[in-house]
Amino acid sequence: MSDSPSADAAPILFSVADGIARIRFNRPAVLNAIDEPTILAFKDAVDRTAKNQAVRAVVLSGEGRAFLAGGDVARFHAAGKDAPKVVAAIIEPFHHAMVTLASLHAPVIASVQGAVAGAGFSVMLAADLSIAADDARFTMAYARIGTTPDGSGTFSLPRIVGLRKALEMALLSEVIDAPEALRLGLVNKVVPAVDLAAETDALARRLAAGPTLAYGRIKHLMRASFSHTLSEQLQAERDAFVASAGTRDFAEGVAAFVEKRSPSFEGE
């Protein structure tokens, strides 16, 4: 349960238990569309996650029929000529949160259902792993309201599907179903909607029991590889392996391998 005293009314539900931080968008009446209070609460939850050394896995999810249907378009419309100010007030904390999420050692899982659109699509792409319900529907959506992607969508999407397909998805903003998202590599697994919570929890617990520092180094190596030469990447791999060899988890992993037993990692 959330550590907020008014969880039902909070736009973001946040809790940490058993090494798993759970951040849940909670505006189901508007398909969890993002407005200023929502994004500030999201940023706060991400910042608190980053500061909590006990966190070893993160789950991003949405309440109700959708994961996240993007920005609150009704809010943008109501702002009229002040729309640029409203958008800026949302994007700045949003992008802070996305950079912070990317910096975590703990793996981040997106657990998605229903509408995964606009900012929701960008958040899902930025996660390290994603599990989708079979009713999930995905779209960039931004071009439909005459704007451009945010939340690192233009960074993540070409890296996952390639430039030509990314341009098609962004320019046409067509809706993609869950099987096609799986085929394109946008998600790692598609499960029946009734099994989404259980499948997500099982994956989160598996990751939370893993070598957290090594996970963080793996994430950094993979993401940095696109801007490195081969020699630079090899040096980064060398440095990461040497650093990992000095951790408790490495000692435990090696001992468990030699002793032919399952390792018990502490994330240190």
Protein backbone atom coordinates (compact mmCIF):
# COMPACT_ATOMS: atom_id res chain seq x y z
CA MET A 1 0.00 0.00 0.00
CA SER A 2 1.06 3.59 -0.48
CA ASP A 3 2.83 5.49 2.26
CA SER A 4 0.54 8.46 1.52
CA PRO A 5 -2.29 9.02 4.02
CA SER A 6 -4.71 9.88 1.17
CA ALA A 7 -3.68 7.21 -1.30
CA ASP A 8 -7.01 6.96 -3.07
CA ALA A 9 -6.89 10.63 -4.06
CA ALA A 10 -3.17 10.81 -4.80
CA PRO A 11 -2.25 11.03 -8.51
CA ILE A 12 0.70 8.71 -7.86
CA LEU A 13 0.70 5.72 -5.51
CA PHE A 14 4.15 4.95 -4.12
CA SER A 15 5.38 2.18 -1.88
CA VAL A 16 8.54 0.22 -1.12
CA ALA A 17 8.44 -3.32 0.23
CA ASP A 18 10.73 -6.35 -0.06
CA GLY A 19 13.24 -4.34 -2.07
CA ILE A 20 10.67 -3.36 -4.71
CA ALA A 21 9.60 0.24 -5.31
CA ARG A 22 6.16 0.49 -6.90
CA ILE A 23 5.17 3.71 -8.65
CA ARG A 24 1.59 3.67 -9.93
CA PHE A 25 -0.19 6.35 -11.95
CA ASN A 26 -3.56 6.91 -10.28
CA ARG A 27 -5.94 9.02 -12.36
CA PRO A 28 -8.03 6.20 -13.81
CA ALA A 29 -10.98 8.44 -14.69
CA VAL A 30 -8.79 10.14 -17.34
CA LEU A 31 -6.72 7.06 -18.23
CA ASN A 32 -3.95 8.37 -15.95
CA ALA A 33 -3.28 11.39 -18.16
CA ILE A 34 -0.48 13.58 -16.82
CA ASP A 35 -1.11 17.05 -15.42
CA GLU A 36 1.09 19.23 -13.17
CA PRO A 37 0.25 17.59 -9.82
CA THR A 38 0.71 14.13 -11.32
CA ILE A 39 4.12 14.81 -12.77
CA LEU A 40 5.36 16.49 -9.60
CA ALA A 41 4.21 13.48 -7.59
CA PHE A 42 5.91 11.17 -10.12
CA LYS A 43 9.16 13.11 -9.86
CA ASP A 44 8.98 12.95 -6.06
CA ALA A 45 8.40 9.18 -6.13
CA VAL A 46 11.33 8.65 -8.49
CA ASP A 47 13.60 10.87 -6.38
CA ARG A 48 12.63 8.97 -3.23
CA THR A 49 13.32 5.69 -5.02
CA ALA A 50 16.78 6.88 -6.05
CA LYS A 51 17.62 7.84 -2.47
CA ASN A 52 16.45 4.53 -0.99
CA GLN A 53 19.37 2.11 -0.85
CA ALA A 54 17.00 -0.76 -0.10
CA VAL A 55 15.39 -0.58 -3.55
CA ARG A 56 16.53 -3.39 -5.86
CA ALA A 57 13.75 -3.31 -8.47
CA VAL A 58 11.20 -0.73 -9.63
CA VAL A 59 7.73 -1.32 -11.07
CA LEU A 60 5.90 1.37 -13.05
CA SER A 61 2.18 0.73 -13.54
CA GLY A 62 -1.18 2.42 -14.01
CA GLU A 63 -4.48 2.15 -12.17
CA GLY A 64 -7.62 1.15 -14.03
CA ARG A 65 -8.10 0.49 -17.74
CA ALA A 66 -4.88 2.12 -18.96
CA PHE A 67 -1.22 2.38 -18.16
CA LEU A 68 -0.88 6.02 -19.18
CA ALA A 69 -2.69 7.77 -22.02
CA GLY A 70 -0.17 10.63 -22.27
CA GLY A 71 -0.49 14.25 -21.29
CA ASP A 72 -3.79 15.71 -20.12
CA VAL A 73 -4.96 17.18 -23.43
CA ALA A 74 -8.02 18.75 -21.77
CA ARG A 75 -5.63 20.65 -19.50
CA PHE A 76 -3.65 21.86 -22.51
CA HIS A 77 -6.86 23.00 -24.22
CA ALA A 78 -8.07 24.85 -21.14
CA ALA A 79 -4.73 26.67 -20.87
CA GLY A 80 -5.30 28.40 -24.20
CA LYS A 81 -2.49 30.86 -24.90
CA ASP A 82 -0.77 29.74 -21.71
CA ALA A 83 -0.33 26.20 -23.10
CA PRO A 84 3.45 26.61 -23.59
CA LYS A 85 3.85 27.50 -19.90
CA VAL A 86 1.72 24.55 -18.81
CA VAL A 87 3.64 22.17 -21.07
CA ALA A 88 6.98 23.45 -19.77
CA ALA A 89 5.82 23.04 -16.18
CA ILE A 90 5.07 19.38 -16.92
CA ILE A 91 8.05 18.52 -19.11
CA GLU A 92 10.78 19.83 -16.82
CA PRO A 93 9.98 17.58 -13.83
CA PHE A 94 9.06 14.76 -16.25
CA HIS A 95 12.50 14.83 -17.83
CA HIS A 96 14.20 15.09 -14.44
CA ALA A 97 12.37 11.91 -13.43
CA MET A 98 13.34 10.10 -16.63
CA VAL A 99 17.04 10.91 -16.21
CA THR A 100 16.88 9.74 -12.60
CA LEU A 101 15.17 6.47 -13.55
CA ALA A 102 17.84 5.79 -16.17
CA SER A 103 20.58 6.30 -13.57
CA LEU A 104 19.24 3.69 -11.14
CA HIS A 105 21.16 0.49 -10.48
CA ALA A 106 17.82 -1.21 -9.84
CA PRO A 107 16.12 -2.59 -12.97
CA VAL A 108 12.93 -0.77 -13.95
CA ILE A 109 9.90 -2.74 -15.15
CA ALA A 110 6.96 -1.19 -16.99
CA SER A 111 3.76 -3.16 -16.41
CA VAL A 112 1.27 -1.93 -19.01
CA GLN A 113 -2.34 -2.44 -20.03
CA GLY A 114 -4.92 -0.65 -22.11
CA ALA A 115 -3.80 2.68 -23.55
CA VAL A 116 -0.03 3.19 -23.69
CA ALA A 117 0.12 6.49 -25.55
CA GLY A 118 2.22 9.64 -25.82
CA ALA A 119 4.13 10.15 -22.59
CA GLY A 120 2.96 6.71 -21.48
CA PHE A 121 4.63 5.19 -24.52
CA SER A 122 7.84 7.10 -23.76
CA VAL A 123 7.83 5.96 -20.12
CA MET A 124 7.29 2.35 -21.17
CA LEU A 125 10.15 2.55 -23.70
CA ALA A 126 12.51 4.00 -21.10
CA ALA A 127 12.01 1.10 -18.70
CA ASP A 128 14.58 -1.68 -18.78
CA LEU A 129 11.95 -4.38 -19.24
CA SER A 130 8.26 -4.30 -20.07
CA ILE A 131 5.41 -6.74 -19.57
CA ALA A 132 2.18 -6.03 -21.45
CA ALA A 133 -1.34 -7.27 -20.98
CA ASP A 134 -2.90 -8.71 -24.12
CA ASP A 135 -5.32 -5.76 -24.21
CA ALA A 136 -2.54 -3.15 -24.39
CA ARG A 137 -2.54 -0.72 -27.30
CA PHE A 138 0.46 1.43 -28.15
CA THR A 139 0.83 4.71 -30.05
CA MET A 140 3.23 7.64 -30.10
CA ALA A 141 0.16 9.93 -30.50
CA TYR A 142 2.08 13.22 -30.36
CA ALA A 143 1.64 14.11 -34.04
CA ARG A 144 -2.10 13.73 -33.64
CA ILE A 145 -2.18 16.90 -31.55
CA GLY A 146 0.46 18.70 -33.60
CA THR A 147 3.44 18.30 -31.31
CA THR A 148 6.64 16.32 -30.80
CA PRO A 149 7.57 13.48 -28.43
CA ASP A 150 8.98 13.99 -24.96
CA GLY A 151 10.08 11.78 -22.08
CA SER A 152 12.99 10.34 -24.10
CA GLY A 153 10.71 8.77 -26.72
CA THR A 154 12.90 9.97 -29.60
CA PHE A 155 15.94 8.55 -27.79
CA SER A 156 14.54 5.12 -26.96
CA LEU A 157 12.38 4.27 -29.96
CA PRO A 158 15.03 4.38 -32.73
CA ARG A 159 17.34 2.27 -30.54
CA ILE A 160 14.66 -0.39 -30.18
CA VAL A 161 13.07 -0.56 -33.63
CA GLY A 162 15.51 1.30 -35.90
CA LEU A 163 15.27 4.77 -37.41
CA ARG A 164 12.93 4.07 -40.33
CA LYS A 165 10.35 2.24 -38.23
CA ALA A 166 10.62 4.84 -35.46
CA LEU A 167 9.88 7.60 -37.96
CA GLU A 168 6.88 5.67 -39.25
CA MET A 169 5.53 5.22 -35.74
CA ALA A 170 6.08 8.86 -34.79
CA LEU A 171 4.82 10.45 -37.99
CA LEU A 172 1.76 8.27 -38.54
CA SER A 173 0.93 7.63 -34.87
CA GLU A 174 -0.92 4.44 -35.73
CA VAL A 175 -2.11 2.13 -32.97
CA ILE A 176 -0.13 -1.08 -32.43
CA ASP A 177 -1.57 -4.07 -30.59
CA ALA A 178 0.28 -6.18 -28.03
CA PRO A 179 1.41 -9.00 -30.38
CA GLU A 180 2.90 -6.46 -32.79
CA ALA A 181 4.60 -4.64 -29.90
CA LEU A 182 6.17 -7.94 -28.90
CA ARG A 183 7.29 -8.65 -32.47
CA LEU A 184 8.94 -5.22 -32.69
CA GLY A 185 10.70 -5.64 -29.34
CA LEU A 186 8.76 -2.83 -27.68
CA VAL A 187 7.79 -5.21 -24.89
CA ASN A 188 9.46 -8.34 -23.55
CA LYS A 189 6.38 -10.41 -22.83
CA VAL A 190 2.63 -10.38 -23.42
CA VAL A 191 0.36 -12.05 -20.88
CA PRO A 192 -3.41 -12.33 -20.33
CA ALA A 193 -4.69 -9.17 -18.65
CA VAL A 194 -5.79 -11.15 -15.60
CA ASP A 195 -2.21 -12.38 -15.12
CA LEU A 196 -0.42 -9.04 -15.54
CA ALA A 197 -0.05 -8.21 -11.84
CA ALA A 198 1.16 -11.69 -10.91
CA GLU A 199 3.63 -11.91 -13.82
CA THR A 200 4.98 -8.45 -13.01
CA ASP A 201 5.37 -9.30 -9.34
CA ALA A 202 7.22 -12.52 -10.15
CA LEU A 203 9.68 -10.68 -12.40
CA ALA A 204 10.16 -7.86 -9.88
CA ARG A 205 10.91 -10.33 -7.09
CA ARG A 206 13.36 -12.22 -9.28
CA LEU A 207 15.23 -9.02 -10.11
CA ALA A 208 15.09 -7.78 -6.50
CA ALA A 209 16.92 -10.95 -5.48
CA GLY A 210 19.67 -10.35 -8.02
CA PRO A 211 23.07 -8.60 -8.04
CA THR A 212 21.85 -5.00 -8.06
CA LEU A 213 25.21 -3.28 -8.60
CA ALA A 214 26.00 -5.61 -11.50
CA TYR A 215 22.56 -4.92 -12.96
CA GLY A 216 23.29 -1.19 -12.82
CA ARG A 217 26.62 -1.64 -14.58
CA ILE A 218 25.02 -3.84 -17.24
CA LYS A 219 22.39 -1.17 -17.88
CA HIS A 220 25.01 1.56 -18.16
CA LEU A 221 27.20 -0.47 -20.50
CA MET A 222 24.32 -1.25 -22.82
CA ARG A 223 23.00 2.29 -22.97
CA ALA A 224 26.44 3.88 -23.38
CA SER A 225 27.47 1.49 -26.15
CA PHE A 226 25.70 3.54 -28.83
CA SER A 227 28.06 6.48 -28.31
CA HIS A 228 31.29 4.48 -27.85
CA THR A 229 33.85 3.15 -30.24
CA LEU A 230 34.71 -0.54 -29.91
CA SER A 231 37.90 0.32 -28.01
CA GLU A 232 36.02 2.64 -25.65
CA GLN A 233 33.36 0.01 -25.02
CA LEU A 234 35.95 -2.67 -24.32
CA GLN A 235 37.63 -0.38 -21.79
CA ALA A 236 34.27 0.32 -20.15
CA GLU A 237 33.58 -3.42 -19.98
CA ARG A 238 36.98 -4.00 -18.42
CA ASP A 239 36.44 -1.30 -15.80
CA ALA A 240 32.95 -2.55 -14.94
CA PHE A 241 34.06 -6.17 -14.60
CA VAL A 242 37.00 -5.24 -12.37
CA ALA A 243 34.78 -3.07 -10.20
CA SER A 244 32.17 -5.83 -9.96
CA ALA A 245 34.86 -8.33 -8.93
CA GLY A 246 35.30 -6.35 -5.72
CA THR A 247 31.67 -6.68 -4.61
CA ARG A 248 30.10 -9.05 -2.11
CA ASP A 249 27.72 -10.28 -4.78
CA PHE A 250 30.60 -11.34 -7.02
CA ALA A 251 32.21 -13.28 -4.17
CA GLU A 252 28.87 -14.93 -3.43
CA GLY A 253 28.17 -15.69 -7.09
CA VAL A 254 31.58 -17.29 -7.61
CA ALA A 255 31.30 -19.29 -4.39
CA ALA A 256 27.81 -20.49 -5.30
CA PHE A 257 28.97 -21.56 -8.74
CA VAL A 258 31.90 -23.55 -7.34
CA GLU A 259 29.74 -25.05 -4.60
CA LYS A 260 26.97 -25.87 -7.09
CA ARG A 261 24.22 -24.02 -5.23
CA SER A 262 21.96 -21.06 -5.91
CA PRO A 263 23.55 -17.69 -4.99
CA SER A 264 22.07 -15.44 -2.33
CA PHE A 265 22.78 -11.93 -3.52
CA GLU A 266 22.55 -8.87 -1.26
CA GLY A 267 22.76 -6.19 -3.94
CA GLU A 268 26.17 -5.06 -2.63
